[in-house]
Amino acid sequence: MVPKNDLITGITPNTTRLDKALAAATDLSRERIKALIAEGKVEIDGTPATSPSAKVAEGAAFAIHLPPPADPQASPQDIPIDVVFEDEHLIVVDKPAGMVVHPAAGNPDGTLVNALLHHCQGQLSGIGGVARPGIVHRIDKDTSGLLVVAKSDAAHEGLARQFADHSLERAYLAVCGGHPNPPAGTVDARLGRSDRDRKKMAVLQADSSRGKHAVTHYKTLERLDHGALVECRLETGRTHQVRVHLASIGHALIGDPVYGRTPSALKPIVGALDFRRQALHAARLGFIHPLTGNALSFASELPCDMRELIDEMGHSNR
């Protein structure tokens, strides 16, 4: 585990590559390890490491010097956003694919939070901290669709309770490879960090003490050539839940660079459209307004890139 100070020390496990050994012994990703080696921040048996692929003996002593974190505070930026609903307590936006929700390593600005700070003139809940003001839930950078953000602490707390008890309505539209069989069903599979790649999520054994319970209900809406348009309704909201659950039943999302490969029959279409993201859209969001008690429900149409993908794939008669 990474300590609160800037120095990580330990003994390398049984593996030959340096970056793999250090990733296995810490909570750092292999890419982060490679960057730290390039910056001269890694020592093996007291000597600075120079290559991520260098061979390392089991039991070698390592030291990693982490640079101090940059100031994470987000600043307002005049970035256009699609506002679906807004009052003094909360705001619902339709996020485009390609926009990160909040600042993080590699994405210090240009995020939805930066845009909201400008739009709301700084009036966002402080519960999420300076880097994530107002953020109650997230959707991936390359997933489009609906997101609710709290403008007051009372709204944040009320929305967080609904996310915790899974009482909100959340439905995603996804284009997957192949035709799910049965065409409708439920994936009830625990999710946690992959042992092979800590950046990825994976389905875990049902009796595992790791990860979190996750349930996705899916229904095929349209059969396409070599694929399908599927609606996924979430009981839980885990990281990458739809992407991992559909991949686990053999129907990964078209364009997903992490959990699936584009079927060979669809590569010409995906290439011609230059479709470079997972085909996933947060299409419906419903919840009880935490201050007024009113039931709110919102819908978002498929974005043009996913509509074009579906049109080019065509309808299947099989």
Protein backbone atom coordinates (compact mmCIF):
# COMPACT_ATOMS: atom_id res chain seq x y z
CA MET A 1 0.00 0.00 0.00
CA VAL A 2 1.12 3.58 -0.67
CA PRO A 3 1.89 5.45 2.58
CA LYS A 4 0.96 9.06 3.20
CA ASN A 5 4.57 10.22 2.97
CA ASP A 6 6.53 10.34 -0.29
CA LEU A 7 8.66 7.20 0.19
CA ILE A 8 7.65 3.61 -0.53
CA THR A 9 10.01 0.82 0.47
CA GLY A 10 9.81 -2.95 0.43
CA ILE A 11 11.03 -6.23 -1.00
CA THR A 12 10.32 -7.31 -4.59
CA PRO A 13 8.19 -10.43 -5.08
CA ASN A 14 8.94 -13.34 -7.36
CA THR A 15 8.89 -11.85 -10.87
CA THR A 16 11.52 -10.95 -13.43
CA ARG A 17 10.53 -7.52 -14.81
CA LEU A 18 11.18 -4.54 -12.57
CA ASP A 19 7.99 -2.64 -13.41
CA LYS A 20 5.86 -5.74 -12.89
CA ALA A 21 7.55 -6.54 -9.58
CA LEU A 22 7.05 -3.03 -8.20
CA ALA A 23 3.44 -2.83 -9.38
CA ALA A 24 2.75 -6.13 -7.60
CA ALA A 25 4.33 -4.83 -4.40
CA THR A 26 2.57 -1.43 -4.35
CA ASP A 27 -0.69 0.22 -5.35
CA LEU A 28 1.03 1.96 -8.27
CA SER A 29 0.28 1.05 -11.88
CA ARG A 30 3.02 -0.21 -14.19
CA GLU A 31 2.74 3.00 -16.25
CA ARG A 32 3.26 5.08 -13.12
CA ILE A 33 6.26 2.90 -12.19
CA LYS A 34 7.76 3.41 -15.67
CA ALA A 35 7.38 7.18 -15.36
CA LEU A 36 9.02 7.20 -11.93
CA ILE A 37 11.93 5.11 -13.23
CA ALA A 38 12.41 7.59 -16.09
CA GLU A 39 12.44 10.41 -13.53
CA GLY A 40 15.13 8.65 -11.46
CA LYS A 41 12.78 8.13 -8.52
CA VAL A 42 13.28 4.36 -8.14
CA GLU A 43 16.19 2.55 -6.45
CA ILE A 44 16.92 -1.18 -6.34
CA ASP A 45 19.37 -2.31 -3.65
CA GLY A 46 20.46 1.33 -3.30
CA THR A 47 21.17 1.87 -7.00
CA PRO A 48 18.97 4.04 -9.26
CA ALA A 49 16.93 1.93 -11.66
CA THR A 50 17.22 2.77 -15.36
CA SER A 51 14.93 0.36 -17.22
CA PRO A 52 11.38 -0.88 -16.50
CA SER A 53 12.20 -4.19 -18.19
CA ALA A 54 15.37 -4.79 -16.20
CA LYS A 55 15.60 -8.20 -14.54
CA VAL A 56 15.25 -8.11 -10.77
CA ALA A 57 15.94 -10.85 -8.26
CA GLU A 58 13.27 -11.94 -5.80
CA GLY A 59 13.83 -10.29 -2.45
CA ALA A 60 15.71 -7.25 -3.78
CA ALA A 61 15.14 -4.12 -1.68
CA PHE A 62 13.45 -1.22 -3.45
CA ALA A 63 12.74 2.42 -2.65
CA ILE A 64 10.36 4.65 -4.60
CA HIS A 65 10.44 8.40 -4.03
CA LEU A 66 7.05 9.90 -4.91
CA PRO A 67 7.03 13.59 -5.84
CA PRO A 68 4.61 15.74 -3.80
CA PRO A 69 1.13 15.90 -5.34
CA ALA A 70 0.19 18.96 -7.33
CA ASP A 71 -2.48 21.29 -6.02
CA PRO A 72 -5.72 19.55 -7.05
CA GLN A 73 -8.00 22.55 -6.73
CA ALA A 74 -10.10 23.03 -9.85
CA SER A 75 -10.54 26.45 -11.45
CA PRO A 76 -13.58 27.78 -13.34
CA GLN A 77 -13.35 27.50 -17.13
CA ASP A 78 -15.80 28.80 -19.72
CA ILE A 79 -16.58 25.46 -21.35
CA PRO A 80 -20.02 24.90 -22.94
CA ILE A 81 -22.20 22.29 -21.20
CA ASP A 82 -25.65 20.89 -22.01
CA VAL A 83 -27.85 21.67 -18.98
CA VAL A 84 -30.95 19.47 -18.78
CA PHE A 85 -32.27 20.74 -15.42
CA GLU A 86 -31.10 23.21 -12.82
CA ASP A 87 -32.32 24.78 -9.60
CA GLU A 88 -30.65 26.22 -6.53
CA HIS A 89 -29.85 22.76 -5.16
CA LEU A 90 -28.67 20.63 -8.08
CA ILE A 91 -27.95 20.52 -11.80
CA VAL A 92 -28.39 17.71 -14.34
CA VAL A 93 -26.11 17.80 -17.38
CA ASP A 94 -25.76 15.73 -20.54
CA LYS A 95 -22.02 15.04 -20.74
CA PRO A 96 -20.42 14.50 -24.14
CA ALA A 97 -18.05 11.61 -24.77
CA GLY A 98 -14.44 12.68 -24.34
CA MET A 99 -15.00 14.94 -21.33
CA VAL A 100 -13.51 13.90 -17.99
CA VAL A 101 -15.80 14.48 -15.00
CA HIS A 102 -13.26 15.92 -12.55
CA PRO A 103 -9.56 16.87 -12.50
CA ALA A 104 -7.10 14.05 -11.87
CA ALA A 105 -3.60 13.02 -12.87
CA GLY A 106 -3.26 13.59 -16.60
CA ASN A 107 -6.41 15.74 -16.75
CA PRO A 108 -5.76 18.84 -14.64
CA ASP A 109 -8.38 20.98 -16.41
CA GLY A 110 -10.93 21.01 -19.20
CA THR A 111 -13.21 18.78 -17.12
CA LEU A 112 -16.90 18.92 -16.33
CA VAL A 113 -16.06 20.28 -12.87
CA ASN A 114 -14.12 23.17 -14.42
CA ALA A 115 -17.11 23.94 -16.64
CA LEU A 116 -19.58 23.70 -13.74
CA LEU A 117 -17.53 25.99 -11.51
CA HIS A 118 -17.86 28.65 -14.21
CA HIS A 119 -21.51 27.97 -15.00
CA CYS A 120 -22.60 27.81 -11.34
CA GLN A 121 -20.27 30.64 -10.31
CA GLY A 122 -18.62 28.45 -7.70
CA GLN A 123 -21.91 27.30 -6.14
CA LEU A 124 -21.21 23.57 -5.81
CA SER A 125 -21.28 21.25 -2.83
CA GLY A 126 -17.99 21.08 -0.94
CA ILE A 127 -18.43 17.49 0.27
CA GLY A 128 -16.41 16.07 -2.62
CA GLY A 129 -13.39 18.24 -1.79
CA VAL A 130 -11.62 20.89 -3.86
CA ALA A 131 -10.94 18.55 -6.77
CA ARG A 132 -14.47 17.10 -6.97
CA PRO A 133 -16.94 19.79 -5.85
CA GLY A 134 -20.53 18.68 -6.29
CA ILE A 135 -19.64 15.27 -7.70
CA VAL A 136 -21.98 12.58 -6.36
CA HIS A 137 -21.36 10.00 -9.10
CA ARG A 138 -19.27 9.71 -12.26
CA ILE A 139 -19.42 8.29 -15.74
CA ASP A 140 -16.31 7.41 -17.73
CA LYS A 141 -14.56 9.96 -19.94
CA ASP A 142 -15.65 8.18 -23.11
CA THR A 143 -19.19 7.44 -21.93
CA SER A 144 -21.77 10.07 -22.82
CA GLY A 145 -24.99 10.96 -21.06
CA LEU A 146 -26.75 12.16 -17.94
CA LEU A 147 -25.11 13.14 -14.68
CA VAL A 148 -26.51 14.89 -11.60
CA VAL A 149 -24.30 17.29 -9.63
CA ALA A 150 -25.04 18.80 -6.21
CA LYS A 151 -24.92 22.55 -5.74
CA SER A 152 -25.52 22.40 -1.97
CA ASP A 153 -24.29 20.09 0.78
CA ALA A 154 -27.88 19.15 1.66
CA ALA A 155 -28.53 18.06 -1.93
CA HIS A 156 -25.25 16.15 -1.99
CA GLU A 157 -26.12 14.22 1.15
CA GLY A 158 -29.64 13.44 -0.06
CA LEU A 159 -28.45 12.23 -3.47
CA ALA A 160 -25.64 10.20 -1.91
CA ARG A 161 -28.21 8.34 0.22
CA GLN A 162 -30.18 7.41 -2.90
CA PHE A 163 -27.05 6.15 -4.63
CA ALA A 164 -26.16 4.16 -1.51
CA ASP A 165 -29.57 2.46 -1.27
CA HIS A 166 -29.78 1.98 -5.07
CA SER A 167 -33.16 3.71 -5.28
CA LEU A 168 -32.30 5.83 -8.33
CA GLU A 169 -33.26 4.89 -11.86
CA ARG A 170 -30.26 4.54 -14.17
CA ALA A 171 -30.43 3.09 -17.65
CA TYR A 172 -27.65 2.91 -20.21
CA LEU A 173 -27.79 2.19 -23.93
CA ALA A 174 -24.91 0.08 -25.22
CA VAL A 175 -23.91 -1.37 -28.58
CA CYS A 176 -22.23 -4.72 -28.03
CA GLY A 177 -20.70 -7.36 -30.22
CA GLY A 178 -22.80 -10.43 -30.98
CA HIS A 179 -26.36 -11.22 -29.88
CA PRO A 180 -26.89 -11.86 -26.15
CA ASN A 181 -28.50 -15.23 -25.46
CA PRO A 182 -30.90 -15.05 -23.76
CA PRO A 183 -31.79 -11.64 -25.25
CA ALA A 184 -32.70 -10.35 -21.78
CA GLY A 185 -31.34 -11.31 -18.41
CA THR A 186 -29.39 -10.32 -15.30
CA VAL A 187 -25.67 -10.33 -14.62
CA ASP A 188 -25.08 -10.70 -10.89
CA ALA A 189 -21.31 -10.75 -10.54
CA ARG A 190 -18.98 -9.24 -7.96
CA LEU A 191 -16.53 -6.64 -9.30
CA GLY A 192 -13.08 -5.65 -8.08
CA ARG A 193 -9.61 -4.68 -9.27
CA SER A 194 -8.01 -7.12 -11.67
CA ASP A 195 -5.04 -9.07 -10.32
CA ARG A 196 -3.36 -8.77 -13.73
CA ASP A 197 -3.89 -5.06 -14.29
CA ARG A 198 -4.81 -2.74 -11.42
CA LYS A 199 -6.27 -0.18 -13.84
CA LYS A 200 -8.92 -2.67 -14.91
CA MET A 201 -11.93 -4.08 -13.11
CA ALA A 202 -12.77 -7.78 -13.24
CA VAL A 203 -15.47 -10.25 -12.25
CA LEU A 204 -14.53 -11.93 -8.96
CA GLN A 205 -15.64 -15.16 -7.34
CA ALA A 206 -19.01 -14.84 -5.62
CA ASP A 207 -17.47 -15.75 -2.24
CA SER A 208 -14.54 -13.35 -2.61
CA SER A 209 -13.87 -10.95 0.26
CA ARG A 210 -12.64 -8.42 -2.29
CA GLY A 211 -14.61 -6.11 -4.53
CA LYS A 212 -18.26 -5.15 -4.38
CA HIS A 213 -21.60 -6.74 -5.20
CA ALA A 214 -22.84 -5.62 -8.64
CA VAL A 215 -26.07 -6.31 -10.56
CA THR A 216 -26.93 -5.32 -14.13
CA HIS A 217 -30.25 -6.09 -15.87
CA TYR A 218 -29.95 -6.10 -19.66
CA LYS A 219 -32.49 -6.25 -22.50
CA THR A 220 -31.85 -6.44 -26.24
CA LEU A 221 -33.66 -3.58 -28.00
CA GLU A 222 -32.39 -4.13 -31.55
CA ARG A 223 -30.57 -7.02 -33.22
CA LEU A 224 -27.90 -5.67 -35.55
CA ASP A 225 -25.54 -7.35 -37.97
CA HIS A 226 -22.87 -8.86 -35.73
CA GLY A 227 -24.08 -6.90 -32.72
CA ALA A 228 -26.99 -5.53 -30.70
CA LEU A 229 -28.35 -2.39 -29.09
CA VAL A 230 -28.86 -3.28 -25.44
CA GLU A 231 -30.47 -1.42 -22.56
CA CYS A 232 -28.74 -1.93 -19.22
CA ARG A 233 -30.43 -0.97 -15.95
CA LEU A 234 -28.24 -0.79 -12.88
CA GLU A 235 -29.09 -1.93 -9.39
CA THR A 236 -25.61 -0.91 -8.30
CA GLY A 237 -23.17 1.64 -9.67
CA ARG A 238 -19.69 0.16 -9.71
CA THR A 239 -16.69 1.34 -11.70
CA HIS A 240 -16.98 0.16 -15.33
CA GLN A 241 -19.96 -2.02 -14.32
CA VAL A 242 -21.77 -2.23 -17.67
CA ARG A 243 -18.53 -2.65 -19.60
CA VAL A 244 -17.24 -5.49 -17.42
CA HIS A 245 -20.55 -7.28 -16.98
CA LEU A 246 -21.33 -7.39 -20.71
CA ALA A 247 -17.78 -8.46 -21.51
CA SER A 248 -18.07 -11.23 -18.92
CA ILE A 249 -20.98 -12.81 -20.83
CA GLY A 250 -19.12 -12.57 -24.14
CA HIS A 251 -20.62 -9.35 -25.47
CA ALA A 252 -18.10 -6.55 -24.94
CA LEU A 253 -19.02 -3.04 -26.05
CA ILE A 254 -18.05 -1.98 -29.54
CA GLY A 255 -15.02 0.32 -29.37
CA ASP A 256 -14.10 -0.55 -25.77
CA PRO A 257 -10.30 -0.33 -25.69
CA VAL A 258 -10.00 -2.04 -22.29
CA TYR A 259 -12.51 -4.86 -22.01
CA GLY A 260 -13.13 -5.99 -25.56
CA ARG A 261 -12.06 -6.22 -29.16
CA THR A 262 -14.10 -5.11 -32.14
CA PRO A 263 -15.39 -8.15 -34.05
CA SER A 264 -13.46 -8.53 -37.32
CA ALA A 265 -16.66 -8.19 -39.37
CA LEU A 266 -17.26 -4.74 -37.83
CA LYS A 267 -13.73 -3.34 -38.11
CA PRO A 268 -14.36 -1.75 -41.54
CA ILE A 269 -17.43 0.07 -40.20
CA VAL A 270 -15.74 1.20 -36.99
CA GLY A 271 -12.70 2.35 -38.98
CA ALA A 272 -14.75 4.24 -41.56
CA LEU A 273 -16.67 6.04 -38.81
CA ASP A 274 -13.49 6.63 -36.81
CA PHE A 275 -15.42 5.38 -33.78
CA ARG A 276 -12.87 5.46 -30.95
CA ARG A 277 -14.79 5.06 -27.72
CA GLN A 278 -16.90 2.46 -25.94
CA ALA A 279 -20.43 2.55 -27.34
CA LEU A 280 -22.12 3.44 -24.05
CA HIS A 281 -24.59 6.21 -23.24
CA ALA A 282 -26.25 7.11 -19.91
CA ALA A 283 -29.73 7.51 -21.37
CA ARG A 284 -32.06 7.74 -18.34
CA LEU A 285 -31.69 9.15 -14.85
CA GLY A 286 -34.42 9.34 -12.25
CA PHE A 287 -34.37 10.25 -8.56
CA ILE A 288 -36.26 12.00 -5.79
CA HIS A 289 -35.27 15.63 -5.40
CA PRO A 290 -33.52 15.62 -2.00
CA LEU A 291 -34.98 18.98 -0.94
CA THR A 292 -38.40 19.24 -2.58
CA GLY A 293 -39.33 15.55 -2.54
CA ASN A 294 -40.45 15.71 -6.18
CA ALA A 295 -39.80 12.73 -8.44
CA LEU A 296 -37.54 13.77 -11.32
CA SER A 297 -36.84 11.77 -14.47
CA PHE A 298 -34.67 12.69 -17.43
CA ALA A 299 -33.91 11.11 -20.78
CA SER A 300 -31.13 11.70 -23.28
CA GLU A 301 -31.22 10.64 -26.93
CA LEU A 302 -28.39 8.62 -28.41
CA PRO A 303 -25.56 10.88 -29.59
CA CYS A 304 -24.87 11.09 -33.31
CA ASP A 305 -21.78 8.86 -33.27
CA MET A 306 -23.65 5.93 -31.70
CA ARG A 307 -26.67 6.48 -33.96
CA GLU A 308 -24.41 6.39 -37.02
CA LEU A 309 -22.75 3.23 -35.73
CA ILE A 310 -26.12 1.52 -35.35
CA ASP A 311 -27.28 2.67 -38.78
CA GLU A 312 -24.11 1.38 -40.46
CA MET A 313 -24.29 -1.96 -38.66
CA GLY A 314 -27.82 -2.51 -40.00
CA HIS A 315 -30.61 -4.72 -38.72
CA SER A 316 -30.15 -8.47 -38.49
CA ASN A 317 -32.76 -10.91 -39.75
CA ARG A 318 -31.05 -13.85 -38.06
